[in-house]
Amino acid sequence: MLADGIFVTNQINQLKILILASRVPFPQNGGYQIVVYNTIKGLVDLGHEVSVVALKTKKHYETSEPDDELISKINYRAYNIDINVSVFEVAMNLFSKTSFNINKYYDPGFERLLAVEVRNNAYDIIQFDGLMMSLYLAAVRKNSGAKLVYRAHNIENQVWQRLAEQKNDPFKKSYLKMHARRIKNYELEQLNKFDAITVFTEQDKTTLTGYGTKIPIDILPVGLNMDKYRPDYNKTEVPSLFFLGSLDWLPNREGIEWFLDNFLKEFVEGELPVRFYVAGNDIPERFDDYEVMGKVFIQGEVDDALEFVNSKSIMIVPLLSSGGMRVKIVEGMAMEKCIISTSLGAEGINYTDGANILIANDSDEFFEAMKRCISDEEYCRGIGLNARKLIEQQHDVGVVTGRLVSLYQRLLPALMLG
C-alpha cells in the first residue's frame, strides 16, 4: 500500500471471489449481463480467482452451455429456477407484506446448494449482483466468513414508484405504489447487512445514504471493453432512428409505447421522414400493430446487438421511469451514436447536453431533437464522436474493475502488503 492509501493491484495477493447473479451472464444480450460479464472478465484479467453462481430462469432452460472462452477461466454454475407467478399467487400476494417481484427469486434448493458452496470454499469476497440475490444473504453470512458486497443495479423501489407516477388509472397507480412500498421496506432491511455497497451513480448513492445506510458506498460506473466497440460508418443507414432494449423490463416497455404513441403518425405521414427500428428481447405481439411497411420496423431480438447498433445512426432512449445507469446508452455512446434521451435515461453519465448527447424530456423536445438530427448529418456525427471520447475517458472496464478491486482490498486489510 502506498503512503497516501492508494492500493497497487499487482502488489496484492490473489483474491478468491464469488459472484452471485440473478441472470446468466452469457450471452451479453442485456444490460445486466453486460455489466456482470465485464466485471468477471476484468477480475480474471487482473489475476483473481473468480467463481460465478447464476440463476437460470425457465425461458433459458433449453439454451446450450455458453460458448465463451471466459468459461474456461472461471468456476461457473447455473441453477434452474422458475420465476413465473400464477394469477392465484398474484392475488394471494395482495394480502402479503412482501412483493412477489422479489420473492419469486427465492428457491430453497438453491439456498441449500449455495450454503454448501460457500461453506466448502474460503472466499474472500462474495458479491451479490442485484437486490434479488440478497434473498440468500442470511444463508451466505451464516456459512461464510467472506466480506459481502452488494452491487445495486437500480434502487428497485424507485423503479416501481416512478412507474406508478406515470399511470392515470387509479387502480394501477395504487397497485404499483403498493409494490414500491413493499420493495422499499425490503431494501431498507437488507442494506446494512452487507459489508459494502457499489452503485452506478451519485444519485443512487445519495438515495441509499438518505435511507440510513451506514456501510461504505462506492460509485463505480458501467465499464466496457472498448476493443469490442468499433463503429463502421460505411455500414450505417443515415439518417435512421432506433430503439434497442429488452421489453420484459417494464420501464423499457412503458417508454417505447409512449414514444410510438406520440410519433407513429409523424413517421408515417408527418415531418419525420425517417425509418424507425425497434429491436430487443421479449417484444409483446401487440407491438406488431405499430409496424408500418417501409416506415416502422418491429424487429424483435437481433443476432448481434452491436452490429444492429452500428447499422443505425440515431438512438432513442425514452425512459420515463427507472434508475441506475443504462448500459445501452453507454454502449451506444461507445459506438459513436447520436443519442436522444430523457434526463432520467441518461442518469449517472457525466454528459454535456448538446455536446455528447441530446436530452429531451417531453414530446416537443424529442420532436425538435429528431428533426435536427435527421436534417444535419454532420451535427449528428459530431455528437457521436464526442460521446465516444467521454466513454473512453470514464468507462474503460480496466479502470472501473481496478477501482472495484480497491474496494475489495479495503475490506480485507489482512491481505494487503504493508
Protein backbone atom coordinates (compact mmCIF):
# COMPACT_ATOMS: atom_id res chain seq x y z
CA MET A 1 0.00 0.00 0.00
CA LEU A 2 1.31 3.45 -0.86
CA ALA A 3 1.59 6.15 1.80
CA ASP A 4 -1.45 8.05 0.56
CA GLY A 5 -3.68 5.00 0.89
CA ILE A 6 -3.80 4.04 -2.79
CA PHE A 7 -3.63 0.30 -3.34
CA VAL A 8 -1.49 -1.15 -6.10
CA THR A 9 -3.23 -4.20 -7.53
CA ASN A 10 -0.14 -6.15 -8.58
CA GLN A 11 1.24 -5.99 -5.04
CA ILE A 12 -1.84 -7.66 -3.58
CA ASN A 13 -2.49 -11.33 -3.07
CA GLN A 14 -4.85 -13.01 -5.49
CA LEU A 15 -8.42 -12.72 -4.25
CA LYS A 16 -10.92 -15.56 -4.30
CA ILE A 17 -14.22 -14.01 -5.41
CA LEU A 18 -17.73 -15.43 -5.79
CA ILE A 19 -20.26 -13.51 -7.87
CA LEU A 20 -23.95 -14.30 -7.37
CA ALA A 21 -26.09 -13.34 -10.37
CA SER A 22 -29.87 -13.37 -10.78
CA ARG A 23 -29.46 -14.00 -14.53
CA VAL A 24 -26.93 -15.98 -16.51
CA PRO A 25 -24.30 -13.56 -17.87
CA PHE A 26 -23.86 -15.50 -21.12
CA PRO A 27 -24.52 -14.26 -23.78
CA GLN A 28 -24.29 -10.50 -23.21
CA ASN A 29 -27.72 -9.65 -24.61
CA GLY A 30 -28.87 -7.23 -21.92
CA GLY A 31 -27.54 -4.51 -19.66
CA TYR A 32 -27.34 -6.73 -16.58
CA GLN A 33 -25.48 -9.45 -18.44
CA ILE A 34 -23.01 -6.96 -19.94
CA VAL A 35 -22.18 -5.46 -16.55
CA VAL A 36 -21.71 -8.83 -14.84
CA TYR A 37 -19.72 -10.32 -17.74
CA ASN A 38 -17.37 -7.34 -17.95
CA THR A 39 -16.81 -7.48 -14.20
CA ILE A 40 -15.93 -11.18 -14.37
CA LYS A 41 -13.56 -10.63 -17.29
CA GLY A 42 -11.96 -7.62 -15.65
CA LEU A 43 -11.30 -9.53 -12.43
CA VAL A 44 -9.88 -12.51 -14.31
CA ASP A 45 -7.62 -10.23 -16.36
CA LEU A 46 -6.28 -8.77 -13.10
CA GLY A 47 -5.32 -12.27 -11.95
CA HIS A 48 -8.07 -13.03 -9.43
CA GLU A 49 -9.79 -16.40 -8.96
CA VAL A 50 -13.46 -15.94 -9.88
CA SER A 51 -16.44 -18.23 -9.36
CA VAL A 52 -19.94 -17.42 -10.63
CA VAL A 53 -23.21 -18.94 -9.48
CA ALA A 54 -26.18 -17.72 -11.52
CA LEU A 55 -29.90 -18.30 -11.56
CA LYS A 56 -31.15 -19.60 -14.90
CA THR A 57 -34.79 -18.67 -15.41
CA LYS A 58 -37.24 -21.00 -17.14
CA LYS A 59 -37.14 -19.32 -20.57
CA HIS A 60 -33.40 -20.09 -20.70
CA TYR A 61 -33.65 -23.76 -19.60
CA GLU A 62 -33.20 -25.04 -23.14
CA THR A 63 -30.25 -22.84 -24.04
CA SER A 64 -26.98 -24.67 -24.55
CA GLU A 65 -23.91 -24.14 -22.42
CA PRO A 66 -22.27 -20.82 -23.33
CA ASP A 67 -19.56 -20.94 -25.96
CA ASP A 68 -17.24 -18.39 -24.44
CA GLU A 69 -13.54 -18.76 -23.65
CA LEU A 70 -14.08 -16.92 -20.36
CA ILE A 71 -15.91 -20.02 -19.08
CA SER A 72 -12.63 -21.95 -19.06
CA LYS A 73 -11.05 -19.33 -16.80
CA ILE A 74 -13.69 -19.33 -14.05
CA ASN A 75 -15.72 -21.74 -11.94
CA TYR A 76 -19.24 -21.39 -13.31
CA ARG A 77 -22.54 -22.97 -12.29
CA ALA A 78 -26.10 -22.12 -13.35
CA TYR A 79 -29.13 -23.19 -11.32
CA ASN A 80 -32.54 -23.59 -12.99
CA ILE A 81 -35.30 -21.60 -11.31
CA ASP A 82 -38.90 -20.95 -12.32
CA ILE A 83 -39.82 -17.31 -11.60
CA ASN A 84 -43.22 -17.44 -13.27
CA VAL A 85 -46.04 -16.35 -10.98
CA SER A 86 -49.60 -17.66 -11.35
CA VAL A 87 -52.69 -15.46 -11.26
CA PHE A 88 -53.62 -17.12 -7.97
CA GLU A 89 -50.20 -16.27 -6.48
CA VAL A 90 -50.54 -12.67 -7.62
CA ALA A 91 -53.96 -12.46 -5.96
CA MET A 92 -52.70 -14.02 -2.74
CA ASN A 93 -49.76 -11.64 -2.67
CA LEU A 94 -52.19 -8.77 -2.18
CA PHE A 95 -52.55 -9.95 1.41
CA SER A 96 -48.80 -10.28 1.98
CA LYS A 97 -46.31 -7.77 3.36
CA THR A 98 -43.76 -8.63 0.69
CA SER A 99 -43.68 -8.31 -3.11
CA PHE A 100 -43.78 -11.35 -5.38
CA ASN A 101 -41.41 -9.42 -7.67
CA ILE A 102 -38.72 -10.18 -5.09
CA ASN A 103 -39.98 -13.42 -3.57
CA LYS A 104 -40.19 -15.26 -6.90
CA TYR A 105 -36.39 -15.41 -6.97
CA TYR A 106 -36.21 -17.45 -3.76
CA ASP A 107 -35.63 -21.18 -4.13
CA PRO A 108 -34.89 -23.36 -1.07
CA GLY A 109 -32.94 -25.86 -3.19
CA PHE A 110 -30.67 -23.13 -4.47
CA GLU A 111 -30.23 -21.79 -0.95
CA ARG A 112 -29.02 -25.21 0.24
CA LEU A 113 -26.65 -25.52 -2.71
CA LEU A 114 -25.28 -22.04 -2.06
CA ALA A 115 -24.77 -22.75 1.65
CA VAL A 116 -22.64 -25.78 0.77
CA GLU A 117 -20.73 -23.80 -1.87
CA VAL A 118 -19.68 -21.01 0.48
CA ARG A 119 -19.02 -23.36 3.40
CA ASN A 120 -16.65 -25.52 1.35
CA ASN A 121 -14.75 -22.65 -0.28
CA ALA A 122 -12.80 -19.97 1.55
CA TYR A 123 -13.95 -16.98 -0.47
CA ASP A 124 -12.50 -13.57 0.33
CA ILE A 125 -15.34 -11.66 -1.35
CA ILE A 126 -18.89 -12.64 -2.23
CA GLN A 127 -20.65 -10.14 -4.46
CA PHE A 128 -24.45 -10.04 -4.74
CA ASP A 129 -25.38 -8.60 -8.14
CA GLY A 130 -28.82 -7.08 -7.71
CA LEU A 131 -31.43 -6.99 -4.97
CA MET A 132 -32.94 -10.39 -5.83
CA MET A 133 -29.77 -12.21 -4.77
CA SER A 134 -29.99 -10.67 -1.30
CA LEU A 135 -32.70 -13.26 -0.56
CA TYR A 136 -29.76 -15.58 0.11
CA LEU A 137 -27.79 -13.14 2.27
CA ALA A 138 -28.60 -14.78 5.62
CA ALA A 139 -27.61 -18.24 4.40
CA VAL A 140 -24.33 -16.94 2.97
CA ARG A 141 -23.49 -14.94 6.11
CA LYS A 142 -24.18 -17.97 8.30
CA ASN A 143 -21.89 -20.25 6.30
CA SER A 144 -19.06 -17.96 5.19
CA GLY A 145 -16.58 -15.54 6.69
CA ALA A 146 -16.17 -13.68 3.40
CA LYS A 147 -16.80 -9.97 3.06
CA LEU A 148 -20.17 -9.42 1.39
CA VAL A 149 -20.60 -6.73 -1.27
CA TYR A 150 -23.94 -5.65 -2.78
CA ARG A 151 -24.00 -4.08 -6.23
CA ALA A 152 -27.22 -2.14 -6.67
CA HIS A 153 -28.09 -2.17 -10.38
CA ASN A 154 -31.10 0.01 -9.56
CA ILE A 155 -32.81 1.39 -6.48
CA GLU A 156 -35.60 -1.11 -7.07
CA ASN A 157 -38.39 0.64 -5.19
CA GLN A 158 -37.77 3.81 -7.22
CA VAL A 159 -38.40 1.91 -10.43
CA TRP A 160 -41.85 0.92 -9.20
CA GLN A 161 -42.61 4.32 -7.70
CA ARG A 162 -41.77 6.07 -10.95
CA LEU A 163 -43.87 3.59 -12.91
CA ALA A 164 -46.78 4.35 -10.58
CA GLU A 165 -46.38 8.08 -11.16
CA GLN A 166 -46.80 7.57 -14.92
CA LYS A 167 -50.17 5.82 -14.55
CA ASN A 168 -53.51 7.58 -14.82
CA ASP A 169 -55.60 4.55 -13.89
CA PRO A 170 -56.11 4.83 -10.10
CA PHE A 171 -56.11 1.04 -9.59
CA LYS A 172 -52.82 0.56 -11.49
CA LYS A 173 -51.28 3.53 -9.72
CA SER A 174 -52.27 2.18 -6.30
CA TYR A 175 -51.11 -1.34 -7.17
CA LEU A 176 -47.67 -0.20 -8.32
CA LYS A 177 -47.27 2.06 -5.28
CA MET A 178 -48.06 -0.91 -3.04
CA HIS A 179 -45.22 -2.89 -4.60
CA ALA A 180 -42.91 0.13 -4.36
CA ARG A 181 -43.57 0.38 -0.60
CA ARG A 182 -43.03 -3.33 -0.05
CA ILE A 183 -39.81 -3.40 -2.05
CA LYS A 184 -38.53 -0.32 -0.24
CA ASN A 185 -39.21 -1.94 3.13
CA TYR A 186 -37.27 -4.99 1.98
CA GLU A 187 -34.37 -2.86 0.69
CA LEU A 188 -34.17 -0.99 3.98
CA GLU A 189 -34.00 -4.28 5.89
CA GLN A 190 -31.11 -5.58 3.77
CA LEU A 191 -28.78 -2.67 3.08
CA ASN A 192 -26.80 -2.52 6.33
CA LYS A 193 -26.39 -6.29 6.46
CA PHE A 194 -23.66 -6.14 3.81
CA ASP A 195 -20.07 -5.01 4.33
CA ALA A 196 -20.08 -2.57 1.40
CA ILE A 197 -22.27 -1.40 -1.49
CA THR A 198 -21.47 -0.27 -5.01
CA VAL A 199 -23.80 1.86 -7.13
CA PHE A 200 -23.52 3.23 -10.65
CA THR A 201 -24.50 6.86 -9.97
CA GLU A 202 -24.13 9.68 -7.47
CA GLN A 203 -27.92 9.91 -7.38
CA ASP A 204 -28.20 6.31 -6.19
CA LYS A 205 -25.56 6.87 -3.51
CA THR A 206 -27.45 9.91 -2.25
CA THR A 207 -30.68 7.88 -2.12
CA LEU A 208 -29.14 4.99 -0.18
CA THR A 209 -27.42 7.37 2.22
CA GLY A 210 -30.79 9.01 2.81
CA TYR A 211 -32.20 5.59 3.68
CA GLY A 212 -29.81 5.45 6.63
CA THR A 213 -27.14 3.24 5.07
CA LYS A 214 -24.10 3.20 7.37
CA ILE A 215 -21.74 0.93 5.45
CA PRO A 216 -19.35 2.21 2.72
CA ILE A 217 -20.94 3.06 -0.65
CA ASP A 218 -18.67 3.35 -3.69
CA ILE A 219 -19.73 4.80 -7.06
CA LEU A 220 -18.46 2.60 -9.88
CA PRO A 221 -19.84 3.35 -13.37
CA VAL A 222 -20.56 0.78 -16.05
CA GLY A 223 -17.29 -0.46 -17.52
CA LEU A 224 -16.86 -1.52 -21.15
CA ASN A 225 -14.15 -3.35 -23.05
CA MET A 226 -13.57 -0.62 -25.62
CA ASP A 227 -11.89 -3.01 -28.07
CA LYS A 228 -15.35 -4.51 -28.77
CA TYR A 229 -16.82 -1.22 -29.94
CA ARG A 230 -15.62 -0.49 -33.48
CA PRO A 231 -18.07 1.71 -35.43
CA ASP A 232 -18.10 1.41 -39.22
CA TYR A 233 -19.89 4.33 -40.88
CA ASN A 234 -19.85 2.56 -44.23
CA LYS A 235 -22.48 0.18 -42.84
CA THR A 236 -24.69 2.83 -41.19
CA GLU A 237 -28.06 3.91 -42.59
CA VAL A 238 -28.16 7.70 -42.45
CA PRO A 239 -30.50 9.01 -41.25
CA SER A 240 -32.28 6.34 -39.23
CA LEU A 241 -33.73 6.07 -35.73
CA PHE A 242 -33.64 3.04 -33.46
CA PHE A 243 -34.52 1.72 -30.04
CA LEU A 244 -32.77 -1.30 -28.51
CA GLY A 245 -33.81 -2.83 -25.21
CA SER A 246 -35.46 -5.79 -23.55
CA LEU A 247 -39.20 -5.25 -23.29
CA ASP A 248 -39.66 -7.72 -20.45
CA TRP A 249 -38.35 -4.85 -18.33
CA LEU A 250 -41.38 -2.65 -17.62
CA PRO A 251 -39.66 0.79 -17.83
CA ASN A 252 -38.41 -0.03 -21.35
CA ARG A 253 -41.84 -1.19 -22.48
CA GLU A 254 -43.60 1.80 -21.00
CA GLY A 255 -41.11 4.23 -22.55
CA ILE A 256 -41.20 2.87 -26.08
CA GLU A 257 -45.01 2.64 -26.04
CA TRP A 258 -45.16 6.31 -25.05
CA PHE A 259 -42.75 7.16 -27.86
CA LEU A 260 -44.61 5.20 -30.54
CA ASP A 261 -47.98 6.55 -29.44
CA ASN A 262 -46.62 10.10 -29.80
CA PHE A 263 -44.64 9.79 -33.03
CA LEU A 264 -46.02 6.95 -35.14
CA LYS A 265 -48.11 9.37 -37.19
CA GLU A 266 -45.12 11.67 -37.73
CA PHE A 267 -43.05 8.77 -39.09
CA VAL A 268 -45.81 7.66 -41.43
CA GLU A 269 -47.15 10.91 -42.83
CA GLY A 270 -45.69 13.79 -40.87
CA GLU A 271 -42.49 15.83 -40.58
CA LEU A 272 -40.14 13.00 -39.62
CA PRO A 273 -39.27 11.29 -42.93
CA VAL A 274 -37.06 8.61 -41.43
CA ARG A 275 -37.21 4.90 -40.74
CA PHE A 276 -37.59 3.81 -37.11
CA TYR A 277 -36.43 0.39 -35.90
CA VAL A 278 -37.38 -1.32 -32.62
CA ALA A 279 -35.27 -4.28 -31.51
CA GLY A 280 -34.83 -6.27 -28.32
CA ASN A 281 -35.88 -9.32 -26.36
CA ASP A 282 -39.44 -10.24 -25.37
CA ILE A 283 -41.33 -7.74 -27.53
CA PRO A 284 -45.07 -8.37 -26.98
CA GLU A 285 -47.12 -9.45 -30.00
CA ARG A 286 -49.29 -6.36 -29.74
CA PHE A 287 -46.29 -4.29 -30.87
CA ASP A 288 -46.84 -5.72 -34.36
CA ASP A 289 -49.71 -3.23 -34.60
CA TYR A 290 -47.16 -0.40 -34.65
CA GLU A 291 -45.34 -1.77 -37.69
CA VAL A 292 -45.78 0.21 -40.91
CA MET A 293 -44.22 -1.14 -44.10
CA GLY A 294 -41.17 0.87 -45.10
CA LYS A 295 -41.55 3.25 -42.13
CA VAL A 296 -41.61 1.49 -38.73
CA PHE A 297 -39.95 -1.88 -38.20
CA ILE A 298 -40.57 -4.08 -35.14
CA GLN A 299 -37.62 -6.45 -35.45
CA GLY A 300 -37.60 -8.31 -32.14
CA GLU A 301 -34.40 -9.96 -30.94
CA VAL A 302 -31.34 -9.42 -33.13
CA ASP A 303 -28.47 -11.86 -33.55
CA ASP A 304 -25.75 -9.27 -32.99
CA ALA A 305 -26.71 -6.21 -30.94
CA LEU A 306 -23.58 -4.20 -31.77
CA GLU A 307 -23.98 -4.91 -35.47
CA PHE A 308 -27.55 -3.65 -35.23
CA VAL A 309 -26.45 -0.51 -33.36
CA ASN A 310 -23.74 0.15 -35.93
CA SER A 311 -26.24 -0.12 -38.78
CA LYS A 312 -28.39 2.78 -37.48
CA SER A 313 -27.46 6.40 -36.77
CA ILE A 314 -29.70 7.94 -34.07
CA MET A 315 -30.51 6.14 -30.82
CA ILE A 316 -33.74 6.88 -28.94
CA VAL A 317 -33.94 6.34 -25.14
CA PRO A 318 -37.41 7.47 -23.99
CA LEU A 319 -37.18 6.21 -20.39
CA LEU A 320 -39.84 7.72 -18.12
CA SER A 321 -39.02 5.64 -15.03
CA SER A 322 -36.15 3.58 -13.60
CA GLY A 323 -32.82 4.48 -12.03
CA GLY A 324 -29.20 3.42 -12.09
CA MET A 325 -27.14 3.72 -15.26
CA ARG A 326 -28.46 2.48 -18.58
CA VAL A 327 -25.90 0.17 -20.13
CA LYS A 328 -27.38 0.52 -23.62
CA ILE A 329 -26.71 4.27 -23.57
CA VAL A 330 -23.09 3.70 -22.55
CA GLU A 331 -22.74 1.13 -25.34
CA GLY A 332 -24.41 3.46 -27.83
CA MET A 333 -22.00 6.25 -26.92
CA ALA A 334 -19.09 3.84 -27.33
CA MET A 335 -20.40 3.12 -30.84
CA GLU A 336 -20.40 6.87 -31.62
CA LYS A 337 -24.17 7.07 -31.83
CA CYS A 338 -26.05 10.34 -31.62
CA ILE A 339 -28.38 9.64 -28.67
CA ILE A 340 -31.61 11.41 -27.78
CA SER A 341 -32.62 10.50 -24.23
CA THR A 342 -34.66 11.70 -21.32
CA SER A 343 -32.57 13.07 -18.45
CA LEU A 344 -33.70 10.08 -16.42
CA GLY A 345 -32.47 7.69 -19.09
CA ALA A 346 -29.02 9.32 -19.04
CA GLU A 347 -28.86 9.49 -15.26
CA GLY A 348 -25.40 8.95 -13.84
CA ILE A 349 -23.49 9.62 -17.07
CA ASN A 350 -21.33 12.76 -16.97
CA TYR A 351 -22.80 14.05 -20.20
CA THR A 352 -22.99 17.56 -21.60
CA ASP A 353 -26.33 18.19 -23.27
CA GLY A 354 -25.83 19.33 -26.83
CA ALA A 355 -22.21 18.16 -26.93
CA ASN A 356 -22.19 14.37 -26.45
CA ILE A 357 -25.91 13.62 -26.07
CA LEU A 358 -29.26 15.35 -26.65
CA ILE A 359 -31.66 15.50 -23.70
CA ALA A 360 -35.40 15.56 -24.37
CA ASN A 361 -37.95 15.28 -21.58
CA ASP A 362 -41.23 15.70 -23.43
CA SER A 363 -42.69 15.06 -26.87
CA ASP A 364 -41.91 18.58 -28.15
CA GLU A 365 -38.25 18.29 -27.17
CA PHE A 366 -37.97 14.83 -28.72
CA PHE A 367 -39.55 16.12 -31.93
CA GLU A 368 -37.16 19.07 -32.26
CA ALA A 369 -34.11 16.92 -31.48
CA MET A 370 -35.08 14.25 -34.01
CA LYS A 371 -35.89 16.84 -36.66
CA ARG A 372 -32.47 18.46 -36.33
CA CYS A 373 -30.56 15.16 -36.30
CA ILE A 374 -32.41 13.89 -39.37
CA SER A 375 -31.59 17.04 -41.34
CA ASP A 376 -27.99 17.63 -40.16
CA GLU A 377 -25.73 14.60 -40.56
CA GLU A 378 -22.52 16.42 -39.53
CA TYR A 379 -24.10 17.71 -36.31
CA CYS A 380 -25.36 14.23 -35.52
CA ARG A 381 -21.96 12.66 -36.19
CA GLY A 382 -20.20 15.25 -34.02
CA ILE A 383 -22.42 14.35 -31.07
CA GLY A 384 -21.47 10.69 -31.54
CA LEU A 385 -17.72 11.36 -31.76
CA ASN A 386 -17.83 13.38 -28.53
CA ALA A 387 -19.83 10.60 -26.88
CA ARG A 388 -17.12 8.06 -27.70
CA LYS A 389 -14.45 10.28 -26.13
CA LEU A 390 -16.46 10.51 -22.91
CA ILE A 391 -16.80 6.73 -22.64
CA GLU A 392 -13.10 6.19 -23.34
CA GLN A 393 -12.23 8.57 -20.53
CA GLN A 394 -14.67 7.38 -17.86
CA HIS A 395 -15.97 3.89 -18.63
CA ASP A 396 -12.99 1.73 -19.59
CA VAL A 397 -13.51 -1.65 -17.91
CA GLY A 398 -9.88 -1.91 -16.79
CA VAL A 399 -10.10 1.31 -14.81
CA VAL A 400 -13.53 0.52 -13.35
CA THR A 401 -12.55 -3.02 -12.32
CA GLY A 402 -9.37 -1.74 -10.72
CA ARG A 403 -11.47 0.55 -8.54
CA LEU A 404 -13.72 -2.37 -7.61
CA VAL A 405 -10.69 -4.40 -6.52
CA SER A 406 -9.52 -1.43 -4.42
CA LEU A 407 -12.87 -1.59 -2.61
CA TYR A 408 -12.39 -5.32 -2.01
CA GLN A 409 -8.91 -4.68 -0.66
CA ARG A 410 -10.11 -2.05 1.79
CA LEU A 411 -12.45 -4.67 3.22
CA LEU A 412 -9.59 -7.19 3.56
CA PRO A 413 -6.69 -5.34 5.22
CA ALA A 414 -5.04 -8.61 6.30
CA LEU A 415 -4.36 -9.44 2.64
CA MET A 416 -2.55 -6.19 1.88
CA LEU A 417 1.20 -5.96 1.85
CA GLY A 418 2.39 -3.36 4.30
